[in-house]
Amino acid sequence: MSYYYACMKDEVTKITLFCINCNKETPHTVKYIGSFLRSVSCDVCTKKIEIDRRHLRTVFAEDFIDRILTKPHRITEDMKKAFATLTPFFPKRLFTEPLQALRDIYEVLKKDNGKKELNDKNTNSSAEDKDNKQAGNAEKN
């Protein structure tokens, strides 16, 4: 028996139903597994009608698969509700510090990028100066 079946509660209920065998209304015992009907038995004549186990497994499997497939959506909805409810109680720093850290990182990257551009310009201009000096020396000779 799988974990899912074990989690579902068996429930026994007494109810008055019309018994075909007794041809009158009599007390019956109705057994459920979770929300699914398992069996119905007449308390007077003990006639019992059971649901086929294979069919019951099929129904459980369909229900279980449906629950698995909808679980991410249900969790997301629960998280949205919980987050909306709890947000006012979060410390403000929880939101402002990550933003400040991102701003700081951006500024550092921006400065590093500016220095690289300056270094690239200086490197290019010094290389051009050397080329110009060499060209000037070649003309003098």
Protein backbone atom coordinates (compact mmCIF):
# COMPACT_ATOMS: atom_id res chain seq x y z
CA MET A 1 0.00 0.00 0.00
CA SER A 2 1.48 3.36 -0.98
CA TYR A 3 1.96 6.32 1.30
CA TYR A 4 -0.94 8.15 -0.34
CA TYR A 5 -3.39 5.35 0.48
CA ALA A 6 -2.11 5.16 4.04
CA CYS A 7 -2.65 8.91 4.54
CA MET A 8 -6.30 8.75 3.58
CA LYS A 9 -8.62 8.02 6.50
CA ASP A 10 -10.95 5.07 6.43
CA GLU A 11 -14.40 6.14 7.52
CA VAL A 12 -17.38 3.99 8.46
CA THR A 13 -20.85 5.54 8.43
CA LYS A 14 -24.28 4.18 9.36
CA ILE A 15 -27.08 5.26 7.04
CA THR A 16 -30.61 4.13 6.16
CA LEU A 17 -30.93 2.97 2.54
CA PHE A 18 -33.39 0.90 0.54
CA CYS A 19 -32.16 -2.72 0.41
CA ILE A 20 -33.08 -4.63 -2.74
CA ASN A 21 -32.67 -7.95 -0.92
CA CYS A 22 -34.89 -7.00 2.05
CA ASN A 23 -37.19 -4.90 -0.17
CA LYS A 24 -37.40 -2.15 2.44
CA GLU A 25 -35.42 0.63 4.04
CA THR A 26 -32.85 -0.78 6.44
CA PRO A 27 -29.74 0.44 8.22
CA HIS A 28 -26.58 0.05 6.12
CA THR A 29 -22.88 0.35 6.88
CA VAL A 30 -21.04 2.46 4.34
CA LYS A 31 -17.23 2.37 4.23
CA TYR A 32 -15.14 5.08 2.64
CA ILE A 33 -11.45 5.32 1.88
CA GLY A 34 -10.75 9.03 1.90
CA SER A 35 -13.59 10.55 -0.09
CA PHE A 36 -14.14 7.42 -2.20
CA LEU A 37 -16.80 4.79 -1.56
CA ARG A 38 -15.35 1.37 -0.68
CA SER A 39 -18.36 -0.76 0.23
CA VAL A 40 -22.01 -0.77 1.31
CA SER A 41 -23.50 -3.57 3.39
CA CYS A 42 -27.00 -4.13 4.74
CA ASP A 43 -27.05 -4.61 8.50
CA VAL A 44 -30.18 -6.82 8.32
CA CYS A 45 -29.44 -9.31 5.53
CA THR A 46 -25.65 -8.72 5.41
CA LYS A 47 -25.73 -8.29 1.61
CA LYS A 48 -22.54 -6.44 0.70
CA ILE A 49 -21.62 -4.45 -2.41
CA GLU A 50 -17.94 -3.63 -2.85
CA ILE A 51 -16.16 -1.41 -5.29
CA ASP A 52 -13.58 -3.24 -7.41
CA ARG A 53 -10.05 -2.71 -6.06
CA ARG A 54 -8.61 -2.16 -9.53
CA HIS A 55 -11.16 0.55 -10.18
CA LEU A 56 -10.45 2.07 -6.79
CA ARG A 57 -6.70 2.11 -7.55
CA THR A 58 -7.41 3.79 -10.88
CA VAL A 59 -9.47 6.48 -9.19
CA PHE A 60 -6.78 6.98 -6.53
CA ALA A 61 -4.06 7.12 -9.19
CA GLU A 62 -5.97 9.74 -11.17
CA ASP A 63 -6.56 11.81 -8.06
CA PHE A 64 -2.94 11.42 -6.97
CA ILE A 65 -1.58 12.42 -10.39
CA ASP A 66 -3.90 15.41 -10.47
CA ARG A 67 -2.65 16.49 -7.04
CA ILE A 68 0.98 16.10 -8.14
CA LEU A 69 0.41 18.16 -11.28
CA THR A 70 -1.38 20.96 -9.43
CA LYS A 71 1.03 21.03 -6.46
CA PRO A 72 3.41 23.72 -7.83
CA HIS A 73 0.46 26.02 -8.55
CA ARG A 74 -1.04 25.44 -5.11
CA ILE A 75 2.30 26.09 -3.39
CA THR A 76 2.78 29.28 -5.42
CA GLU A 77 -0.66 30.53 -4.44
CA ASP A 78 -0.01 29.72 -0.77
CA MET A 79 3.33 31.54 -0.90
CA LYS A 80 1.72 34.61 -2.49
CA LYS A 81 -0.88 34.72 0.26
CA ALA A 82 1.70 34.19 2.99
CA PHE A 83 4.07 36.77 1.51
CA ALA A 84 1.32 39.38 1.17
CA THR A 85 0.24 38.74 4.75
CA LEU A 86 3.74 38.82 6.25
CA THR A 87 5.35 41.62 4.18
CA PRO A 88 4.41 44.43 6.59
CA PHE A 89 6.25 42.57 9.38
CA PHE A 90 9.55 42.18 7.47
CA PRO A 91 12.36 44.53 8.51
CA LYS A 92 12.90 47.30 5.94
CA ARG A 93 16.56 46.33 5.71
CA LEU A 94 15.51 43.04 4.13
CA PHE A 95 14.55 45.00 1.02
CA THR A 96 16.92 47.98 1.13
CA GLU A 97 20.24 46.20 1.79
CA PRO A 98 20.16 43.97 -1.31
CA LEU A 99 19.28 47.03 -3.39
CA GLN A 100 22.15 48.98 -1.86
CA ALA A 101 24.52 46.08 -2.49
CA LEU A 102 23.43 46.02 -6.15
CA ARG A 103 23.99 49.78 -6.42
CA ASP A 104 27.47 49.42 -4.90
CA ILE A 105 28.37 46.60 -7.29
CA TYR A 106 27.10 48.67 -10.21
CA GLU A 107 29.21 51.67 -9.13
CA VAL A 108 32.35 49.52 -8.77
CA LEU A 109 31.80 47.96 -12.19
CA LYS A 110 31.15 51.38 -13.68
CA LYS A 111 34.41 52.76 -12.21
CA ASP A 112 36.38 49.70 -13.35
CA ASN A 113 34.92 50.04 -16.82
CA GLY A 114 35.86 53.76 -16.90
CA LYS A 115 39.46 52.96 -15.84
CA LYS A 116 39.74 50.28 -18.54
CA GLU A 117 38.59 52.76 -21.18
CA LEU A 118 41.14 55.31 -19.96
CA ASN A 119 43.90 52.68 -19.90
CA ASP A 120 42.94 51.55 -23.39
CA LYS A 121 43.05 55.17 -24.64
CA ASN A 122 46.39 55.76 -22.91
CA THR A 123 47.82 52.54 -24.31
CA ASN A 124 46.63 53.41 -27.80
CA SER A 125 47.92 56.98 -27.61
CA SER A 126 51.33 55.88 -26.27
CA ALA A 127 51.59 53.31 -29.07
CA GLU A 128 50.71 56.01 -31.59
CA ASP A 129 53.32 58.33 -30.05
CA LYS A 130 55.98 55.65 -30.42
CA ASP A 131 54.96 55.07 -34.04
CA ASN A 132 55.10 58.82 -34.71
CA LYS A 133 58.56 59.12 -33.07
CA GLN A 134 59.86 56.20 -35.10
CA ALA A 135 58.43 57.71 -38.29
CA GLY A 136 60.02 61.06 -37.40
CA ASN A 137 63.39 59.40 -36.76
CA ALA A 138 63.15 57.53 -40.05
CA GLU A 139 62.50 60.79 -41.93
CA LYS A 140 65.54 62.47 -40.35
CA ASN A 141 67.79 59.64 -41.43
